[in-house]
Amino acid sequence: MFNGIQETLNLNRSMPLEAIKYCISACHSAVLWELLQFKNCSGQGTSAAQQQKQLRDHLDAYMSLMTELITSNVADFREEAYVSVGDLLICFSKRLKDNPQLKPLVYEPDRDLQQILENFIQTYVFVEEEEDVDEEGDEHKKIEKLHNRRNYLSVFCKLVPCNVLPVKAAAGVIRHYVKYYDDYGDIIKTLLGTIRNINKITSAKTMVLSLSLLFHDLTRDGGSRIDRQSEEFLSVKELAKELAMSFGLDTVKNREAITAIHRDGIIFAKSTRESK
């Protein structure tokens, strides 16, 4: 099955595309089954060291292939690979370090993989939906596509509380909270609550980062002069309002987080002015 996927990457498509898609899913399940066997010490006569090495080799090979497929032009491969990588990153996350035997199996995404996952959701989740829907079948497809995009976003958001991605990685999602509220508002709101529970100060800094990303988009598209009555600028203000309200009314309890927001906001405003 690994060979079939590799042949596809080399453009030597000796297998039907649908078969390759099922190979991706089957290999994903096989890696998880190996992990379960290793946890249960049922290596069928194979020593623990050999079984551990075999599992690690299969995991590394599979993740390497899937990382390439996420950037593929074939939508079915790209989406299947993305979901598989997200699931395995959680299954082989730092939580395995609690068990000395499982610790060598921890798979931590490097900066390149983190960026690939970030690019995926920015490209295929936060997209404008076509407004013209002529037939009932088109409406059904629209709902199905939204369901898939919500699933992709959920996969990414789960990586933050599982300590697979740093909290600041949530900034790229939070920046879209207002614009895509109808489609993903519940998912992003849950993410906000999760990172706040992890660390209030870090979550506050992440909120400022999300606002700064949105502001940079505004200045990039509008130049040095910003229309403060434009829809884009008002959306930045609305996001800032929503994020501020997410801390609640107990300013004493959230004093340090609110201080962090003001401090980072002042630093950003000062650096932005100096760069002009």
C-alpha atoms as a PDB file:
ATOM      1  CA  MET A   1       0.000   0.000   0.000  1.00  0.00           C
ATOM      2  CA  PHE A   2       2.875   2.366   0.789  1.00  0.00           C
ATOM      3  CA  ASN A   3       4.320   1.599  -2.659  1.00  0.00           C
ATOM      4  CA  GLY A   4       1.027   2.462  -4.319  1.00  0.00           C
ATOM      5  CA  ILE A   5       0.940   5.862  -2.653  1.00  0.00           C
ATOM      6  CA  GLN A   6       4.587   6.500  -3.538  1.00  0.00           C
ATOM      7  CA  GLU A   7       3.935   5.651  -7.191  1.00  0.00           C
ATOM      8  CA  THR A   8       1.195   8.244  -7.222  1.00  0.00           C
ATOM      9  CA  LEU A   9       3.596  10.863  -5.916  1.00  0.00           C
ATOM     10  CA  ASN A  10       5.988   9.947  -8.728  1.00  0.00           C
ATOM     11  CA  LEU A  11       3.133  10.363 -11.226  1.00  0.00           C
ATOM     12  CA  ASN A  12       3.312   6.663 -12.051  1.00  0.00           C
ATOM     13  CA  ARG A  13      -0.370   6.012 -11.455  1.00  0.00           C
ATOM     14  CA  SER A  14      -0.578   2.252 -11.792  1.00  0.00           C
ATOM     15  CA  MET A  15      -3.536   2.211  -9.368  1.00  0.00           C
ATOM     16  CA  PRO A  16      -6.929   3.939  -9.699  1.00  0.00           C
ATOM     17  CA  LEU A  17      -7.216   7.191  -7.762  1.00  0.00           C
ATOM     18  CA  GLU A  18     -10.000   5.772  -5.589  1.00  0.00           C
ATOM     19  CA  ALA A  19      -7.767   2.816  -4.699  1.00  0.00           C
ATOM     20  CA  ILE A  20      -4.976   5.163  -3.636  1.00  0.00           C
ATOM     21  CA  LYS A  21      -7.443   7.036  -1.428  1.00  0.00           C
ATOM     22  CA  TYR A  22      -8.350   3.790   0.340  1.00  0.00           C
ATOM     23  CA  CYS A  23      -4.648   2.934   0.652  1.00  0.00           C
ATOM     24  CA  ILE A  24      -4.126   6.188   2.558  1.00  0.00           C
ATOM     25  CA  SER A  25      -6.946   5.280   4.942  1.00  0.00           C
ATOM     26  CA  ALA A  26      -5.787   1.666   5.305  1.00  0.00           C
ATOM     27  CA  CYS A  27      -2.187   2.662   6.073  1.00  0.00           C
ATOM     28  CA  HIS A  28      -3.460   5.151   8.636  1.00  0.00           C
ATOM     29  CA  SER A  29      -5.444   2.390  10.349  1.00  0.00           C
ATOM     30  CA  ALA A  30      -2.473   0.021  10.152  1.00  0.00           C
ATOM     31  CA  VAL A  31      -0.207   2.476  11.997  1.00  0.00           C
ATOM     32  CA  LEU A  32      -2.836   2.927  14.720  1.00  0.00           C
ATOM     33  CA  TRP A  33      -3.227  -0.860  14.990  1.00  0.00           C
ATOM     34  CA  GLU A  34       0.529  -1.248  15.436  1.00  0.00           C
ATOM     35  CA  LEU A  35       0.425   1.349  18.215  1.00  0.00           C
ATOM     36  CA  LEU A  36      -2.386  -0.535  19.927  1.00  0.00           C
ATOM     37  CA  GLN A  37      -0.472  -3.824  19.637  1.00  0.00           C
ATOM     38  CA  PHE A  38       2.644  -2.263  21.070  1.00  0.00           C
ATOM     39  CA  LYS A  39       0.695  -0.809  23.991  1.00  0.00           C
ATOM     40  CA  ASN A  40      -0.786  -4.240  24.690  1.00  0.00           C
ATOM     41  CA  CYS A  41       2.613  -5.944  24.263  1.00  0.00           C
ATOM     42  CA  SER A  42       1.194  -8.368  21.715  1.00  0.00           C
ATOM     43  CA  GLY A  43       4.051  -8.402  19.231  1.00  0.00           C
ATOM     44  CA  GLN A  44       3.494 -12.028  18.160  1.00  0.00           C
ATOM     45  CA  GLY A  45       6.999 -13.105  19.110  1.00  0.00           C
ATOM     46  CA  THR A  46       8.668  -9.899  18.026  1.00  0.00           C
ATOM     47  CA  SER A  47      10.798  -8.238  20.687  1.00  0.00           C
ATOM     48  CA  ALA A  48       9.580  -4.934  22.103  1.00  0.00           C
ATOM     49  CA  ALA A  49      12.606  -3.092  20.677  1.00  0.00           C
ATOM     50  CA  GLN A  50      12.022  -4.480  17.186  1.00  0.00           C
ATOM     51  CA  GLN A  51       8.316  -3.750  17.338  1.00  0.00           C
ATOM     52  CA  GLN A  52       8.997  -0.190  18.496  1.00  0.00           C
ATOM     53  CA  LYS A  53      11.490   0.398  15.673  1.00  0.00           C
ATOM     54  CA  GLN A  54       9.130  -1.062  13.083  1.00  0.00           C
ATOM     55  CA  LEU A  55       6.301   1.154  14.271  1.00  0.00           C
ATOM     56  CA  ARG A  56       8.514   4.238  14.264  1.00  0.00           C
ATOM     57  CA  ASP A  57       9.743   3.470  10.727  1.00  0.00           C
ATOM     58  CA  HIS A  58       6.186   3.004   9.464  1.00  0.00           C
ATOM     59  CA  LEU A  59       5.039   6.195  11.189  1.00  0.00           C
ATOM     60  CA  ASP A  60       7.898   8.278   9.780  1.00  0.00           C
ATOM     61  CA  ALA A  61       7.400   6.890   6.269  1.00  0.00           C
ATOM     62  CA  TYR A  62       3.659   7.448   6.344  1.00  0.00           C
ATOM     63  CA  MET A  63       3.868  10.979   7.748  1.00  0.00           C
ATOM     64  CA  SER A  64       6.470  11.906   5.147  1.00  0.00           C
ATOM     65  CA  LEU A  65       4.212  10.698   2.335  1.00  0.00           C
ATOM     66  CA  MET A  66       1.152  12.410   3.765  1.00  0.00           C
ATOM     67  CA  THR A  67       3.006  15.699   4.186  1.00  0.00           C
ATOM     68  CA  GLU A  68       3.707  15.644   0.453  1.00  0.00           C
ATOM     69  CA  LEU A  69       0.137  14.710  -0.405  1.00  0.00           C
ATOM     70  CA  ILE A  70      -1.328  17.605   1.615  1.00  0.00           C
ATOM     71  CA  THR A  71       0.210  19.923  -0.988  1.00  0.00           C
ATOM     72  CA  SER A  72      -1.062  17.749  -3.858  1.00  0.00           C
ATOM     73  CA  ASN A  73      -3.271  19.111  -6.630  1.00  0.00           C
ATOM     74  CA  VAL A  74      -5.592  16.117  -6.251  1.00  0.00           C
ATOM     75  CA  ALA A  75      -8.305  17.180  -3.800  1.00  0.00           C
ATOM     76  CA  ASP A  76      -9.204  13.668  -2.586  1.00  0.00           C
ATOM     77  CA  PHE A  77      -5.577  12.863  -1.726  1.00  0.00           C
ATOM     78  CA  ARG A  78      -4.968  16.258  -0.153  1.00  0.00           C
ATOM     79  CA  GLU A  79      -7.996  16.123   2.128  1.00  0.00           C
ATOM     80  CA  GLU A  80      -7.558  12.486   3.158  1.00  0.00           C
ATOM     81  CA  ALA A  81      -3.874  13.109   3.931  1.00  0.00           C
ATOM     82  CA  TYR A  82      -4.658  16.236   5.973  1.00  0.00           C
ATOM     83  CA  VAL A  83      -7.191  14.460   8.194  1.00  0.00           C
ATOM     84  CA  SER A  84      -4.872  11.449   8.625  1.00  0.00           C
ATOM     85  CA  VAL A  85      -1.912  13.620   9.648  1.00  0.00           C
ATOM     86  CA  GLY A  86      -4.033  15.566  12.128  1.00  0.00           C
ATOM     87  CA  ASP A  87      -5.306  12.375  13.742  1.00  0.00           C
ATOM     88  CA  LEU A  88      -1.869  10.753  14.000  1.00  0.00           C
ATOM     89  CA  LEU A  89      -0.288  13.902  15.428  1.00  0.00           C
ATOM     90  CA  ILE A  90      -2.738  13.636  18.319  1.00  0.00           C
ATOM     91  CA  CYS A  91      -2.307   9.869  18.754  1.00  0.00           C
ATOM     92  CA  PHE A  92       1.497  10.233  18.778  1.00  0.00           C
ATOM     93  CA  SER A  93       1.577  13.518  20.695  1.00  0.00           C
ATOM     94  CA  LYS A  94       3.622  14.413  23.771  1.00  0.00           C
ATOM     95  CA  ARG A  95       1.128  12.602  25.973  1.00  0.00           C
ATOM     96  CA  LEU A  96       2.999   9.391  25.136  1.00  0.00           C
ATOM     97  CA  LYS A  97       5.989  10.714  27.097  1.00  0.00           C
ATOM     98  CA  ASP A  98       4.290   9.639  30.312  1.00  0.00           C
ATOM     99  CA  ASN A  99       5.115   6.050  29.342  1.00  0.00           C
ATOM    100  CA  PRO A 100       8.885   5.368  29.000  1.00  0.00           C
ATOM    101  CA  GLN A 101       8.244   2.644  26.397  1.00  0.00           C
ATOM    102  CA  LEU A 102       6.098   4.948  24.264  1.00  0.00           C
ATOM    103  CA  LYS A 103       8.239   8.078  24.629  1.00  0.00           C
ATOM    104  CA  PRO A 104      10.449   7.283  21.581  1.00  0.00           C
ATOM    105  CA  LEU A 105       7.288   7.165  19.434  1.00  0.00           C
ATOM    106  CA  VAL A 106       6.326  10.802  20.055  1.00  0.00           C
ATOM    107  CA  TYR A 107       5.977  12.624  16.727  1.00  0.00           C
ATOM    108  CA  GLU A 108       6.366  16.398  16.927  1.00  0.00           C
ATOM    109  CA  PRO A 109       5.648  18.409  13.758  1.00  0.00           C
ATOM    110  CA  ASP A 110       8.526  20.570  12.578  1.00  0.00           C
ATOM    111  CA  ARG A 111       8.023  24.157  11.498  1.00  0.00           C
ATOM    112  CA  ASP A 112       7.491  23.127   7.850  1.00  0.00           C
ATOM    113  CA  LEU A 113       4.670  20.732   8.704  1.00  0.00           C
ATOM    114  CA  GLN A 114       3.061  23.302  11.010  1.00  0.00           C
ATOM    115  CA  GLN A 115       3.109  25.793   8.136  1.00  0.00           C
ATOM    116  CA  ILE A 116       1.647  23.237   5.714  1.00  0.00           C
ATOM    117  CA  LEU A 117      -1.277  22.598   8.084  1.00  0.00           C
ATOM    118  CA  GLU A 118      -1.780  26.352   8.549  1.00  0.00           C
ATOM    119  CA  ASN A 119      -1.713  26.926   4.777  1.00  0.00           C
ATOM    120  CA  PHE A 120      -4.258  24.164   4.272  1.00  0.00           C
ATOM    121  CA  ILE A 121      -6.938  25.765   6.434  1.00  0.00           C
ATOM    122  CA  GLN A 122      -6.241  29.250   5.094  1.00  0.00           C
ATOM    123  CA  THR A 123      -6.581  27.975   1.519  1.00  0.00           C
ATOM    124  CA  TYR A 124      -9.359  25.394   1.769  1.00  0.00           C
ATOM    125  CA  VAL A 125     -11.385  26.351   4.866  1.00  0.00           C
ATOM    126  CA  PHE A 126     -11.600  30.134   4.934  1.00  0.00           C
ATOM    127  CA  VAL A 127     -12.904  30.568   1.404  1.00  0.00           C
ATOM    128  CA  GLU A 128     -15.764  32.570  -0.049  1.00  0.00           C
ATOM    129  CA  GLU A 129     -18.808  30.454  -0.898  1.00  0.00           C
ATOM    130  CA  GLU A 130     -20.466  30.874  -4.287  1.00  0.00           C
ATOM    131  CA  GLU A 131     -23.764  32.678  -3.843  1.00  0.00           C
ATOM    132  CA  ASP A 132     -25.630  31.368  -6.897  1.00  0.00           C
ATOM    133  CA  VAL A 133     -27.449  28.128  -6.140  1.00  0.00           C
ATOM    134  CA  ASP A 134     -29.726  27.049  -8.982  1.00  0.00           C
ATOM    135  CA  GLU A 135     -30.843  23.563  -8.069  1.00  0.00           C
ATOM    136  CA  GLU A 136     -31.540  21.519  -4.991  1.00  0.00           C
ATOM    137  CA  GLY A 137     -28.548  19.310  -5.826  1.00  0.00           C
ATOM    138  CA  ASP A 138     -26.273  22.341  -5.765  1.00  0.00           C
ATOM    139  CA  GLU A 139     -27.596  23.293  -2.325  1.00  0.00           C
ATOM    140  CA  HIS A 140     -26.887  19.768  -1.088  1.00  0.00           C
ATOM    141  CA  LYS A 141     -23.310  19.965  -2.404  1.00  0.00           C
ATOM    142  CA  LYS A 142     -22.886  23.343  -0.732  1.00  0.00           C
ATOM    143  CA  ILE A 143     -23.948  21.893   2.633  1.00  0.00           C
ATOM    144  CA  GLU A 144     -21.635  18.903   2.170  1.00  0.00           C
ATOM    145  CA  LYS A 145     -18.676  21.141   1.349  1.00  0.00           C
ATOM    146  CA  LEU A 146     -19.350  23.266   4.434  1.00  0.00           C
ATOM    147  CA  HIS A 147     -19.515  20.122   6.562  1.00  0.00           C
ATOM    148  CA  ASN A 148     -16.129  19.031   5.208  1.00  0.00           C
ATOM    149  CA  ARG A 149     -14.566  22.436   5.818  1.00  0.00           C
ATOM    150  CA  ARG A 150     -15.860  22.455   9.385  1.00  0.00           C
ATOM    151  CA  ASN A 151     -14.264  19.049   9.885  1.00  0.00           C
ATOM    152  CA  TYR A 152     -10.918  20.292   8.547  1.00  0.00           C
ATOM    153  CA  LEU A 153     -11.028  23.286  10.883  1.00  0.00           C
ATOM    154  CA  SER A 154     -11.905  21.068  13.854  1.00  0.00           C
ATOM    155  CA  VAL A 155      -8.907  18.858  13.083  1.00  0.00           C
ATOM    156  CA  PHE A 156      -6.600  21.880  13.215  1.00  0.00           C
ATOM    157  CA  CYS A 157      -8.182  23.333  16.358  1.00  0.00           C
ATOM    158  CA  LYS A 158      -7.787  20.040  18.261  1.00  0.00           C
ATOM    159  CA  LEU A 159      -4.019  20.192  17.752  1.00  0.00           C
ATOM    160  CA  VAL A 160      -3.699  23.222  20.066  1.00  0.00           C
ATOM    161  CA  PRO A 161      -5.154  21.791  23.317  1.00  0.00           C
ATOM    162  CA  CYS A 162      -3.324  18.516  22.635  1.00  0.00           C
ATOM    163  CA  ASN A 163      -0.037  20.475  22.746  1.00  0.00           C
ATOM    164  CA  VAL A 164       0.796  19.511  19.163  1.00  0.00           C
ATOM    165  CA  LEU A 165       0.720  23.103  17.912  1.00  0.00           C
ATOM    166  CA  PRO A 166       1.662  26.155  20.000  1.00  0.00           C
ATOM    167  CA  VAL A 167      -1.160  28.347  21.287  1.00  0.00           C
ATOM    168  CA  LYS A 168      -0.104  31.182  18.986  1.00  0.00           C
ATOM    169  CA  ALA A 169      -1.014  28.974  16.002  1.00  0.00           C
ATOM    170  CA  ALA A 170      -4.643  29.708  16.916  1.00  0.00           C
ATOM    171  CA  ALA A 171      -4.174  33.336  15.831  1.00  0.00           C
ATOM    172  CA  GLY A 172      -4.581  32.383  12.175  1.00  0.00           C
ATOM    173  CA  VAL A 173      -7.998  30.925  13.014  1.00  0.00           C
ATOM    174  CA  ILE A 174      -9.207  33.572  15.469  1.00  0.00           C
ATOM    175  CA  ARG A 175      -8.616  36.352  12.943  1.00  0.00           C
ATOM    176  CA  HIS A 176     -11.555  34.953  10.921  1.00  0.00           C
ATOM    177  CA  TYR A 177     -13.969  34.824  13.873  1.00  0.00           C
ATOM    178  CA  VAL A 178     -16.175  37.732  12.766  1.00  0.00           C
ATOM    179  CA  LYS A 179     -16.038  37.253   8.996  1.00  0.00           C
ATOM    180  CA  TYR A 180     -16.898  33.540   9.111  1.00  0.00           C
ATOM    181  CA  TYR A 181     -19.003  33.555  12.250  1.00  0.00           C
ATOM    182  CA  ASP A 182     -22.018  31.937  10.588  1.00  0.00           C
ATOM    183  CA  ASP A 183     -19.979  28.997   9.284  1.00  0.00           C
ATOM    184  CA  TYR A 184     -17.408  28.409  12.023  1.00  0.00           C
ATOM    185  CA  GLY A 185     -18.350  30.683  14.933  1.00  0.00           C
ATOM    186  CA  ASP A 186     -19.049  27.825  17.349  1.00  0.00           C
ATOM    187  CA  ILE A 187     -15.753  26.095  16.557  1.00  0.00           C
ATOM    188  CA  ILE A 188     -13.676  29.249  16.944  1.00  0.00           C
ATOM    189  CA  LYS A 189     -15.507  30.237  20.142  1.00  0.00           C
ATOM    190  CA  THR A 190     -14.655  26.833  21.620  1.00  0.00           C
ATOM    191  CA  LEU A 191     -11.030  27.339  20.585  1.00  0.00           C
ATOM    192  CA  LEU A 192     -10.976  30.719  22.345  1.00  0.00           C
ATOM    193  CA  GLY A 193     -12.256  29.166  25.546  1.00  0.00           C
ATOM    194  CA  THR A 194      -9.745  26.326  25.292  1.00  0.00           C
ATOM    195  CA  ILE A 195      -6.656  28.502  24.898  1.00  0.00           C
ATOM    196  CA  ARG A 196      -7.888  30.803  27.679  1.00  0.00           C
ATOM    197  CA  ASN A 197      -8.074  27.801  30.005  1.00  0.00           C
ATOM    198  CA  ILE A 198      -4.564  26.722  28.996  1.00  0.00           C
ATOM    199  CA  ASN A 199      -2.998  30.069  29.830  1.00  0.00           C
ATOM    200  CA  LYS A 200      -4.803  33.399  30.046  1.00  0.00           C
ATOM    201  CA  ILE A 201      -1.756  35.534  29.347  1.00  0.00           C
ATOM    202  CA  THR A 202      -0.677  33.456  26.343  1.00  0.00           C
ATOM    203  CA  SER A 203      -4.243  33.499  25.019  1.00  0.00           C
ATOM    204  CA  ALA A 204      -4.308  37.290  25.397  1.00  0.00           C
ATOM    205  CA  LYS A 205      -1.094  37.607  23.395  1.00  0.00           C
ATOM    206  CA  THR A 206      -2.555  35.289  20.766  1.00  0.00           C
ATOM    207  CA  MET A 207      -5.625  37.516  20.492  1.00  0.00           C
ATOM    208  CA  VAL A 208      -3.426  40.552  19.881  1.00  0.00           C
ATOM    209  CA  LEU A 209      -1.517  38.572  17.256  1.00  0.00           C
ATOM    210  CA  SER A 210      -4.754  37.684  15.466  1.00  0.00           C
ATOM    211  CA  LEU A 211      -5.764  41.362  15.405  1.00  0.00           C
ATOM    212  CA  SER A 212      -2.349  42.394  14.119  1.00  0.00           C
ATOM    213  CA  LEU A 213      -2.592  39.834  11.294  1.00  0.00           C
ATOM    214  CA  LEU A 214      -5.975  41.225  10.318  1.00  0.00           C
ATOM    215  CA  PHE A 215      -4.652  44.791  10.473  1.00  0.00           C
ATOM    216  CA  HIS A 216      -1.667  43.875   8.291  1.00  0.00           C
ATOM    217  CA  ASP A 217      -4.085  42.499   5.693  1.00  0.00           C
ATOM    218  CA  LEU A 218      -5.951  45.792   5.831  1.00  0.00           C
ATOM    219  CA  THR A 219      -2.833  47.917   5.301  1.00  0.00           C
ATOM    220  CA  ARG A 220      -1.563  45.611   2.579  1.00  0.00           C
ATOM    221  CA  ASP A 221      -4.779  45.907   0.584  1.00  0.00           C
ATOM    222  CA  GLY A 222      -5.541  49.551   1.353  1.00  0.00           C
ATOM    223  CA  GLY A 223      -2.089  51.090   1.520  1.00  0.00           C
ATOM    224  CA  SER A 224      -0.908  53.568   4.123  1.00  0.00           C
ATOM    225  CA  ARG A 225      -4.247  55.385   4.264  1.00  0.00           C
ATOM    226  CA  ILE A 226      -7.034  53.414   5.921  1.00  0.00           C
ATOM    227  CA  ASP A 227     -10.702  54.203   5.529  1.00  0.00           C
ATOM    228  CA  ARG A 228     -11.982  53.981   9.095  1.00  0.00           C
ATOM    229  CA  GLN A 229     -15.543  53.612   7.813  1.00  0.00           C
ATOM    230  CA  SER A 230     -14.737  50.717   5.508  1.00  0.00           C
ATOM    231  CA  GLU A 231     -16.234  47.302   6.146  1.00  0.00           C
ATOM    232  CA  GLU A 232     -12.759  45.813   6.565  1.00  0.00           C
ATOM    233  CA  PHE A 233     -11.722  48.295   9.272  1.00  0.00           C
ATOM    234  CA  LEU A 234     -15.025  47.914  11.103  1.00  0.00           C
ATOM    235  CA  SER A 235     -14.544  44.140  11.091  1.00  0.00           C
ATOM    236  CA  VAL A 236     -11.218  44.599  12.892  1.00  0.00           C
ATOM    237  CA  LYS A 237     -12.965  46.714  15.545  1.00  0.00           C
ATOM    238  CA  GLU A 238     -15.738  44.145  15.846  1.00  0.00           C
ATOM    239  CA  LEU A 239     -13.223  41.338  16.339  1.00  0.00           C
ATOM    240  CA  ALA A 240     -11.426  43.352  19.027  1.00  0.00           C
ATOM    241  CA  LYS A 241     -14.762  43.880  20.780  1.00  0.00           C
ATOM    242  CA  GLU A 242     -15.667  40.182  20.631  1.00  0.00           C
ATOM    243  CA  LEU A 243     -12.262  39.129  21.969  1.00  0.00           C
ATOM    244  CA  ALA A 244     -12.435  41.650  24.813  1.00  0.00           C
ATOM    245  CA  MET A 245     -15.896  40.389  25.796  1.00  0.00           C
ATOM    246  CA  SER A 246     -14.636  36.797  25.860  1.00  0.00           C
ATOM    247  CA  PHE A 247     -12.810  37.572  29.130  1.00  0.00           C
ATOM    248  CA  GLY A 248     -16.055  38.421  30.893  1.00  0.00           C
ATOM    249  CA  LEU A 249     -16.751  41.264  33.321  1.00  0.00           C
ATOM    250  CA  ASP A 250     -14.413  40.227  36.148  1.00  0.00           C
ATOM    251  CA  THR A 251     -11.497  42.548  35.364  1.00  0.00           C
ATOM    252  CA  VAL A 252      -9.750  41.736  38.651  1.00  0.00           C
ATOM    253  CA  LYS A 253      -9.663  38.015  37.891  1.00  0.00           C
ATOM    254  CA  ASN A 254      -8.366  38.667  34.384  1.00  0.00           C
ATOM    255  CA  ARG A 255      -6.123  41.596  35.294  1.00  0.00           C
ATOM    256  CA  GLU A 256      -2.853  40.048  34.077  1.00  0.00           C
ATOM    257  CA  ALA A 257      -4.374  38.951  30.760  1.00  0.00           C
ATOM    258  CA  ILE A 258      -5.895  42.389  30.138  1.00  0.00           C
ATOM    259  CA  THR A 259      -2.549  43.999  30.980  1.00  0.00           C
ATOM    260  CA  ALA A 260      -0.848  41.720  28.441  1.00  0.00           C
ATOM    261  CA  ILE A 261      -3.368  42.765  25.774  1.00  0.00           C
ATOM    262  CA  HIS A 262      -2.749  46.477  26.399  1.00  0.00           C
ATOM    263  CA  ARG A 263       1.024  46.041  26.549  1.00  0.00           C
ATOM    264  CA  ASP A 264       1.252  44.052  23.313  1.00  0.00           C
ATOM    265  CA  GLY A 265      -1.235  46.389  21.655  1.00  0.00           C
ATOM    266  CA  ILE A 266       0.869  49.426  22.524  1.00  0.00           C
ATOM    267  CA  ILE A 267       4.020  47.715  21.268  1.00  0.00           C
ATOM    268  CA  PHE A 268       2.297  46.817  17.995  1.00  0.00           C
ATOM    269  CA  ALA A 269       0.926  50.335  17.504  1.00  0.00           C
ATOM    270  CA  LYS A 270       4.352  51.855  18.199  1.00  0.00           C
ATOM    271  CA  SER A 271       6.189  49.476  15.849  1.00  0.00           C
ATOM    272  CA  THR A 272       3.608  50.050  13.112  1.00  0.00           C
ATOM    273  CA  ARG A 273       3.974  53.827  13.359  1.00  0.00           C
ATOM    274  CA  GLU A 274       7.791  53.637  13.344  1.00  0.00           C
ATOM    275  CA  SER A 275       7.815  51.428  10.249  1.00  0.00           C
ATOM    276  CA  LYS A 276       5.973  54.064   8.193  1.00  0.00           C
END
